[in-house]
Amino acid sequence: MRKILYLCIPVIAFSLMTTSCRMAPKEELGDTVAAKVFEPIDTAALHRKQAAKMKNIKDSTDIFYVGPATDQKSLQLISYPSRRDTLTMGRTRHIKRSGSTDVGNIVRIALWTKGKDTLVSRIEEYQPTVKAAKK
C-alpha cells in the first residue's frame, strides 16, 4: 500500500507542474496585416493591357511553331509570333523536310490541297532575321 502511495504523490505533483504559466504575456491577434494582402488581384486591367498588345500583332500565314501534340500522322501548328491560335493539320505520306523541324522550332509550311482535304506537304526551318538599327 505504501508503494502505491509513493507512486501517486509524484503523479499528482507532475500534473500540477504541467499547468501553463499565468504570467506569460497575452497575444492580441488582431488585424496586423493590411487587408489588401488578402484581396485577390484585379486581373481585368492586366487582361486589357495584354489584349491591347496582342491586338497590334499580325500573325504570319505560313510560319508557325511546331506544337507538343505533333505525332506521326498530324502536325500541331501554333501561330507565329503571338502563339494565340493552334491548328492541327494532317501530313502527306512523304513529307519534305529541311532543317530542324522538332517541337518548339519555328517552321515554314507548304500546303497541298485536293478537294476538301488540305495536308502539309513540306516543312522547312525558319530562322527570323533581326534588322540592325540605323545610327
N, C-alpha and C. Protein backbone atom coordinates (compact mmCIF):
# COMPACT_ATOMS: atom_id res chain seq x y z
N MET A 1 0.81 -1.18 0.00
CA MET A 1 0.00 0.00 0.00
C MET A 1 0.87 1.26 0.00
N ARG A 2 1.99 1.15 0.73
CA ARG A 2 2.88 2.27 0.79
C ARG A 2 3.48 2.58 -0.59
N LYS A 3 3.73 1.54 -1.36
CA LYS A 3 4.31 1.71 -2.69
C LYS A 3 3.33 2.46 -3.61
N ILE A 4 2.06 2.18 -3.49
CA ILE A 4 1.07 2.85 -4.29
C ILE A 4 0.98 4.32 -3.88
N LEU A 5 1.09 4.60 -2.61
CA LEU A 5 1.05 5.96 -2.13
C LEU A 5 2.27 6.74 -2.65
N TYR A 6 3.45 6.09 -2.62
CA TYR A 6 4.64 6.74 -3.14
C TYR A 6 4.54 7.00 -4.65
N LEU A 7 3.80 6.19 -5.34
CA LEU A 7 3.62 6.36 -6.77
C LEU A 7 2.59 7.45 -7.07
N CYS A 8 1.58 7.59 -6.26
CA CYS A 8 0.54 8.59 -6.50
C CYS A 8 1.02 10.00 -6.22
N ILE A 9 1.89 10.17 -5.26
CA ILE A 9 2.38 11.52 -4.92
C ILE A 9 3.13 12.14 -6.10
N PRO A 10 4.07 11.44 -6.75
CA PRO A 10 4.75 12.06 -7.91
C PRO A 10 3.80 12.31 -9.08
N VAL A 11 2.81 11.47 -9.27
CA VAL A 11 1.87 11.67 -10.37
C VAL A 11 1.08 12.95 -10.14
N ILE A 12 0.63 13.18 -8.92
CA ILE A 12 -0.11 14.40 -8.59
C ILE A 12 0.80 15.62 -8.73
N ALA A 13 2.05 15.49 -8.30
CA ALA A 13 3.00 16.61 -8.38
C ALA A 13 3.29 16.96 -9.84
N PHE A 14 3.46 15.96 -10.68
CA PHE A 14 3.73 16.22 -12.10
C PHE A 14 2.52 16.85 -12.79
N SER A 15 1.33 16.45 -12.42
CA SER A 15 0.15 17.05 -13.05
C SER A 15 0.00 18.51 -12.67
N LEU A 16 0.44 18.89 -11.48
CA LEU A 16 0.39 20.29 -11.07
C LEU A 16 1.48 21.11 -11.76
N MET A 17 2.57 20.49 -12.12
CA MET A 17 3.69 21.20 -12.76
C MET A 17 3.42 21.49 -14.25
N THR A 18 2.58 20.76 -14.87
CA THR A 18 2.38 20.93 -16.31
C THR A 18 1.37 22.01 -16.65
N THR A 19 0.90 22.76 -15.68
CA THR A 19 -0.02 23.85 -15.99
C THR A 19 0.76 25.00 -16.62
N SER A 20 0.08 25.82 -17.39
CA SER A 20 0.75 26.91 -18.10
C SER A 20 1.11 28.03 -17.14
N CYS A 21 2.05 28.84 -17.58
CA CYS A 21 2.49 29.97 -16.79
C CYS A 21 1.44 31.07 -16.89
N ARG A 22 0.99 31.52 -15.77
CA ARG A 22 -0.05 32.54 -15.76
C ARG A 22 0.54 33.93 -15.96
N MET A 23 1.83 34.05 -15.90
CA MET A 23 2.48 35.34 -16.04
C MET A 23 2.93 35.60 -17.49
N ALA A 24 2.69 34.67 -18.39
CA ALA A 24 3.10 34.84 -19.79
C ALA A 24 2.30 35.96 -20.43
N PRO A 25 2.92 36.75 -21.31
CA PRO A 25 2.17 37.84 -21.95
C PRO A 25 1.09 37.28 -22.87
N LYS A 26 -0.01 37.98 -22.91
CA LYS A 26 -1.14 37.53 -23.72
C LYS A 26 -1.00 38.10 -25.13
N GLU A 27 -1.13 37.26 -26.13
CA GLU A 27 -1.01 37.71 -27.52
C GLU A 27 -2.35 38.20 -28.02
N GLU A 28 -2.36 39.44 -28.46
CA GLU A 28 -3.56 40.00 -29.05
C GLU A 28 -3.46 39.83 -30.56
N LEU A 29 -4.15 38.86 -31.09
CA LEU A 29 -4.10 38.60 -32.53
C LEU A 29 -5.16 39.42 -33.23
N GLY A 30 -4.78 40.60 -33.60
CA GLY A 30 -5.72 41.48 -34.28
C GLY A 30 -5.38 41.59 -35.75
N ASP A 31 -5.80 42.66 -36.40
CA ASP A 31 -5.55 42.90 -37.81
C ASP A 31 -4.14 43.50 -37.94
N THR A 32 -3.14 42.62 -38.03
CA THR A 32 -1.76 43.10 -38.08
C THR A 32 -1.25 43.21 -39.51
N VAL A 33 -1.94 42.64 -40.48
CA VAL A 33 -1.53 42.69 -41.88
C VAL A 33 -2.59 43.47 -42.65
N ALA A 34 -2.14 44.26 -43.60
CA ALA A 34 -3.08 45.07 -44.38
C ALA A 34 -4.07 44.18 -45.11
N ALA A 35 -5.28 44.65 -45.24
CA ALA A 35 -6.34 43.85 -45.86
C ALA A 35 -6.07 43.61 -47.33
N LYS A 36 -5.36 44.51 -48.02
CA LYS A 36 -5.14 44.32 -49.45
C LYS A 36 -4.20 43.15 -49.75
N VAL A 37 -3.49 42.66 -48.73
CA VAL A 37 -2.66 41.48 -48.93
C VAL A 37 -3.54 40.27 -49.21
N PHE A 38 -4.71 40.24 -48.60
CA PHE A 38 -5.61 39.10 -48.74
C PHE A 38 -6.61 39.25 -49.88
N GLU A 39 -6.70 40.44 -50.46
CA GLU A 39 -7.64 40.65 -51.56
C GLU A 39 -7.09 40.01 -52.83
N PRO A 40 -7.95 39.45 -53.66
CA PRO A 40 -7.47 38.89 -54.92
C PRO A 40 -7.00 40.00 -55.85
N ILE A 41 -6.05 39.68 -56.71
CA ILE A 41 -5.51 40.66 -57.65
C ILE A 41 -6.56 40.94 -58.72
N ASP A 42 -6.73 42.20 -59.06
CA ASP A 42 -7.67 42.59 -60.10
C ASP A 42 -7.02 42.32 -61.45
N THR A 43 -7.45 41.27 -62.12
CA THR A 43 -6.83 40.87 -63.38
C THR A 43 -7.46 41.53 -64.58
N ALA A 44 -8.54 42.26 -64.40
CA ALA A 44 -9.21 42.89 -65.54
C ALA A 44 -8.30 43.90 -66.22
N ALA A 45 -7.61 44.71 -65.44
CA ALA A 45 -6.70 45.71 -66.03
C ALA A 45 -5.53 45.02 -66.73
N LEU A 46 -5.04 43.96 -66.13
CA LEU A 46 -3.94 43.20 -66.74
C LEU A 46 -4.37 42.60 -68.08
N HIS A 47 -5.57 42.03 -68.12
CA HIS A 47 -6.07 41.44 -69.37
C HIS A 47 -6.30 42.50 -70.44
N ARG A 48 -6.73 43.69 -70.03
CA ARG A 48 -6.90 44.76 -71.01
C ARG A 48 -5.58 45.17 -71.63
N LYS A 49 -4.53 45.26 -70.82
CA LYS A 49 -3.20 45.60 -71.33
C LYS A 49 -2.70 44.53 -72.29
N GLN A 50 -2.86 43.26 -71.91
CA GLN A 50 -2.40 42.16 -72.77
C GLN A 50 -3.19 42.14 -74.07
N ALA A 51 -4.48 42.39 -74.00
CA ALA A 51 -5.30 42.39 -75.22
C ALA A 51 -4.90 43.53 -76.14
N ALA A 52 -4.56 44.68 -75.57
CA ALA A 52 -4.12 45.81 -76.40
C ALA A 52 -2.81 45.49 -77.11
N LYS A 53 -1.90 44.82 -76.42
CA LYS A 53 -0.64 44.42 -77.05
C LYS A 53 -0.87 43.39 -78.14
N MET A 54 -1.72 42.41 -77.87
CA MET A 54 -1.98 41.32 -78.82
C MET A 54 -2.75 41.82 -80.04
N LYS A 55 -3.50 42.88 -79.89
CA LYS A 55 -4.32 43.40 -80.98
C LYS A 55 -3.43 43.89 -82.12
N ASN A 56 -2.29 44.44 -81.79
CA ASN A 56 -1.41 45.01 -82.79
C ASN A 56 -0.49 43.99 -83.46
N ILE A 57 -0.45 42.77 -82.98
CA ILE A 57 0.43 41.75 -83.55
C ILE A 57 -0.24 41.11 -84.75
N LYS A 58 0.46 41.08 -85.85
CA LYS A 58 -0.04 40.42 -87.06
C LYS A 58 0.64 39.06 -87.17
N ASP A 59 -0.13 37.99 -87.21
CA ASP A 59 0.42 36.65 -87.37
C ASP A 59 0.69 36.37 -88.83
N SER A 60 1.72 35.59 -89.08
CA SER A 60 2.03 35.21 -90.45
C SER A 60 1.08 34.09 -90.89
N THR A 61 1.01 33.87 -92.19
CA THR A 61 0.08 32.87 -92.71
C THR A 61 0.74 31.52 -92.96
N ASP A 62 2.06 31.48 -93.13
CA ASP A 62 2.70 30.21 -93.42
C ASP A 62 3.86 29.89 -92.48
N ILE A 63 4.06 30.68 -91.43
CA ILE A 63 5.12 30.43 -90.46
C ILE A 63 4.46 30.10 -89.12
N PHE A 64 4.92 29.00 -88.52
CA PHE A 64 4.31 28.51 -87.28
C PHE A 64 5.37 27.96 -86.36
N TYR A 65 5.01 27.78 -85.07
CA TYR A 65 5.79 26.99 -84.13
C TYR A 65 5.26 25.57 -84.22
N VAL A 66 6.16 24.57 -84.06
CA VAL A 66 5.72 23.17 -84.02
C VAL A 66 5.28 22.89 -82.59
N GLY A 67 4.04 22.43 -82.42
CA GLY A 67 3.47 22.21 -81.09
C GLY A 67 3.83 20.86 -80.50
N PRO A 68 3.61 20.70 -79.18
CA PRO A 68 3.97 19.45 -78.49
C PRO A 68 3.05 18.27 -78.83
N ALA A 69 1.90 18.51 -79.43
CA ALA A 69 0.97 17.42 -79.75
C ALA A 69 1.24 16.85 -81.15
N THR A 70 2.40 17.12 -81.71
CA THR A 70 2.75 16.62 -83.03
C THR A 70 3.08 15.13 -82.93
N ASP A 71 2.50 14.34 -83.84
CA ASP A 71 2.81 12.91 -83.90
C ASP A 71 3.06 12.50 -85.35
N GLN A 72 3.06 11.20 -85.64
CA GLN A 72 3.40 10.72 -86.98
C GLN A 72 2.34 11.07 -88.02
N LYS A 73 1.10 11.19 -87.62
CA LYS A 73 0.03 11.43 -88.59
C LYS A 73 -0.42 12.89 -88.66
N SER A 74 -0.22 13.63 -87.60
CA SER A 74 -0.70 15.02 -87.60
C SER A 74 0.38 15.95 -87.08
N LEU A 75 0.21 17.20 -87.41
CA LEU A 75 1.19 18.23 -87.06
C LEU A 75 0.44 19.35 -86.35
N GLN A 76 0.83 19.65 -85.10
CA GLN A 76 0.21 20.75 -84.38
C GLN A 76 1.00 22.02 -84.69
N LEU A 77 0.32 23.03 -85.18
CA LEU A 77 0.95 24.28 -85.55
C LEU A 77 0.40 25.40 -84.67
N ILE A 78 1.29 26.18 -84.07
CA ILE A 78 0.91 27.29 -83.20
C ILE A 78 1.32 28.57 -83.91
N SER A 79 0.42 29.56 -83.96
CA SER A 79 0.65 30.76 -84.75
C SER A 79 1.92 31.50 -84.32
N TYR A 80 2.58 32.09 -85.30
CA TYR A 80 3.82 32.82 -85.08
C TYR A 80 3.57 34.28 -85.36
N PRO A 81 3.94 35.21 -84.58
CA PRO A 81 4.72 35.20 -83.34
C PRO A 81 3.88 35.22 -82.07
N SER A 82 2.55 35.33 -82.17
CA SER A 82 1.75 35.57 -80.96
C SER A 82 1.43 34.32 -80.15
N ARG A 83 1.47 33.15 -80.77
CA ARG A 83 1.10 31.88 -80.11
C ARG A 83 -0.34 31.89 -79.62
N ARG A 84 -1.22 32.64 -80.30
CA ARG A 84 -2.62 32.71 -79.89
C ARG A 84 -3.44 31.54 -80.39
N ASP A 85 -3.21 31.14 -81.63
CA ASP A 85 -4.06 30.14 -82.27
C ASP A 85 -3.29 28.83 -82.46
N THR A 86 -4.04 27.74 -82.39
CA THR A 86 -3.46 26.43 -82.61
C THR A 86 -4.22 25.75 -83.74
N LEU A 87 -3.48 25.06 -84.58
CA LEU A 87 -4.05 24.41 -85.75
C LEU A 87 -3.46 23.01 -85.82
N THR A 88 -4.28 22.01 -86.06
CA THR A 88 -3.79 20.65 -86.24
C THR A 88 -4.06 20.24 -87.67
N MET A 89 -2.99 19.93 -88.38
CA MET A 89 -3.08 19.57 -89.80
C MET A 89 -2.57 18.15 -90.00
N GLY A 90 -3.14 17.48 -91.01
CA GLY A 90 -2.64 16.16 -91.38
C GLY A 90 -1.39 16.30 -92.24
N ARG A 91 -0.65 15.21 -92.39
CA ARG A 91 0.57 15.22 -93.20
C ARG A 91 0.36 14.38 -94.46
N THR A 92 1.10 14.72 -95.49
CA THR A 92 1.10 13.85 -96.67
C THR A 92 1.96 12.63 -96.34
N ARG A 93 1.87 11.61 -97.17
CA ARG A 93 2.60 10.38 -96.89
C ARG A 93 4.10 10.63 -96.86
N HIS A 94 4.63 11.31 -97.86
CA HIS A 94 6.06 11.62 -97.92
C HIS A 94 6.22 13.12 -97.79
N ILE A 95 6.56 13.55 -96.60
CA ILE A 95 6.68 14.98 -96.33
C ILE A 95 8.14 15.40 -96.53
N LYS A 96 8.34 16.53 -97.19
CA LYS A 96 9.69 17.04 -97.43
C LYS A 96 10.07 17.94 -96.27
N ARG A 97 11.27 17.72 -95.73
CA ARG A 97 11.74 18.50 -94.59
C ARG A 97 13.10 19.09 -94.90
N SER A 98 13.35 20.26 -94.37
CA SER A 98 14.69 20.83 -94.44
C SER A 98 14.95 21.58 -93.15
N GLY A 99 16.13 21.37 -92.57
CA GLY A 99 16.46 21.97 -91.29
C GLY A 99 15.86 21.18 -90.14
N SER A 100 15.90 21.77 -88.96
CA SER A 100 15.36 21.12 -87.77
C SER A 100 13.87 21.42 -87.65
N THR A 101 13.07 20.39 -87.62
CA THR A 101 11.62 20.57 -87.51
C THR A 101 11.09 19.93 -86.23
N ASP A 102 11.89 20.01 -85.17
CA ASP A 102 11.49 19.43 -83.89
C ASP A 102 10.47 20.32 -83.20
N VAL A 103 9.88 19.79 -82.13
CA VAL A 103 8.88 20.53 -81.35
C VAL A 103 9.51 21.80 -80.79
N GLY A 104 8.81 22.92 -80.93
CA GLY A 104 9.27 24.20 -80.40
C GLY A 104 10.00 25.05 -81.42
N ASN A 105 10.39 24.48 -82.55
CA ASN A 105 11.10 25.25 -83.58
C ASN A 105 10.11 26.03 -84.43
N ILE A 106 10.63 27.05 -85.09
CA ILE A 106 9.82 27.87 -85.99
C ILE A 106 10.00 27.28 -87.39
N VAL A 107 8.88 27.01 -88.06
CA VAL A 107 8.92 26.38 -89.38
C VAL A 107 8.03 27.12 -90.36
N ARG A 108 8.37 26.98 -91.63
CA ARG A 108 7.53 27.49 -92.72
C ARG A 108 6.94 26.24 -93.37
N ILE A 109 5.64 26.29 -93.69
CA ILE A 109 4.99 25.11 -94.24
C ILE A 109 4.47 25.40 -95.65
N ALA A 110 4.31 24.33 -96.40
CA ALA A 110 3.64 24.40 -97.70
C ALA A 110 2.48 23.43 -97.65
N LEU A 111 1.32 23.86 -98.12
CA LEU A 111 0.11 23.04 -98.05
C LEU A 111 -0.20 22.42 -99.41
N TRP A 112 -0.79 21.24 -99.38
CA TRP A 112 -1.24 20.54 -100.57
C TRP A 112 -2.74 20.35 -100.41
N THR A 113 -3.51 20.78 -101.41
CA THR A 113 -4.96 20.71 -101.32
C THR A 113 -5.51 19.90 -102.48
N LYS A 114 -6.42 18.99 -102.16
CA LYS A 114 -7.14 18.24 -103.19
C LYS A 114 -8.57 18.09 -102.69
N GLY A 115 -9.48 18.74 -103.38
CA GLY A 115 -10.88 18.71 -102.95
C GLY A 115 -11.04 19.46 -101.64
N LYS A 116 -11.59 18.79 -100.64
CA LYS A 116 -11.78 19.42 -99.33
C LYS A 116 -10.61 19.16 -98.39
N ASP A 117 -9.72 18.25 -98.77
CA ASP A 117 -8.60 17.90 -97.90
C ASP A 117 -7.43 18.86 -98.10
N THR A 118 -6.86 19.29 -97.00
CA THR A 118 -5.66 20.11 -97.03
C THR A 118 -4.63 19.46 -96.11
N LEU A 119 -3.46 19.16 -96.66
CA LEU A 119 -2.41 18.49 -95.91
C LEU A 119 -1.12 19.29 -96.00
N VAL A 120 -0.24 19.07 -95.04
CA VAL A 120 1.08 19.71 -95.06
C VAL A 120 2.00 18.84 -95.91
N SER A 121 2.60 19.43 -96.96
CA SER A 121 3.46 18.66 -97.84
C SER A 121 4.94 18.97 -97.65
N ARG A 122 5.26 20.13 -97.09
CA ARG A 122 6.66 20.49 -96.92
C ARG A 122 6.83 21.32 -95.66
N ILE A 123 7.91 21.04 -94.92
CA ILE A 123 8.25 21.79 -93.71
C ILE A 123 9.71 22.19 -93.84
N GLU A 124 9.98 23.46 -93.62
CA GLU A 124 11.38 23.89 -93.58
C GLU A 124 11.59 24.80 -92.38
N GLU A 125 12.77 24.70 -91.79
CA GLU A 125 13.09 25.52 -90.63
C GLU A 125 13.16 26.98 -91.04
N TYR A 126 12.62 27.84 -90.20
CA TYR A 126 12.62 29.27 -90.47
C TYR A 126 13.43 29.95 -89.38
N GLN A 127 14.39 30.75 -89.79
CA GLN A 127 15.20 31.50 -88.82
C GLN A 127 14.99 32.98 -89.06
N PRO A 128 14.22 33.63 -88.20
CA PRO A 128 13.93 35.05 -88.41
C PRO A 128 15.21 35.88 -88.32
N THR A 129 15.30 36.87 -89.18
CA THR A 129 16.45 37.76 -89.16
C THR A 129 16.07 39.05 -88.48
N VAL A 130 16.98 39.57 -87.70
CA VAL A 130 16.75 40.81 -86.98
C VAL A 130 17.47 41.92 -87.75
N LYS A 131 16.74 42.96 -88.11
CA LYS A 131 17.34 44.07 -88.83
C LYS A 131 18.13 44.95 -87.85
N ALA A 132 19.32 45.34 -88.29
CA ALA A 132 20.16 46.20 -87.46
C ALA A 132 19.60 47.62 -87.47
N ALA A 133 19.63 48.25 -86.32
CA ALA A 133 19.12 49.62 -86.20
C ALA A 133 20.13 50.58 -86.83
N LYS A 134 19.62 51.54 -87.59
CA LYS A 134 20.49 52.54 -88.22
C LYS A 134 20.88 53.60 -87.20
N LYS A 135 22.13 54.01 -87.28
CA LYS A 135 22.61 55.04 -86.34
C LYS A 135 22.69 56.38 -87.01
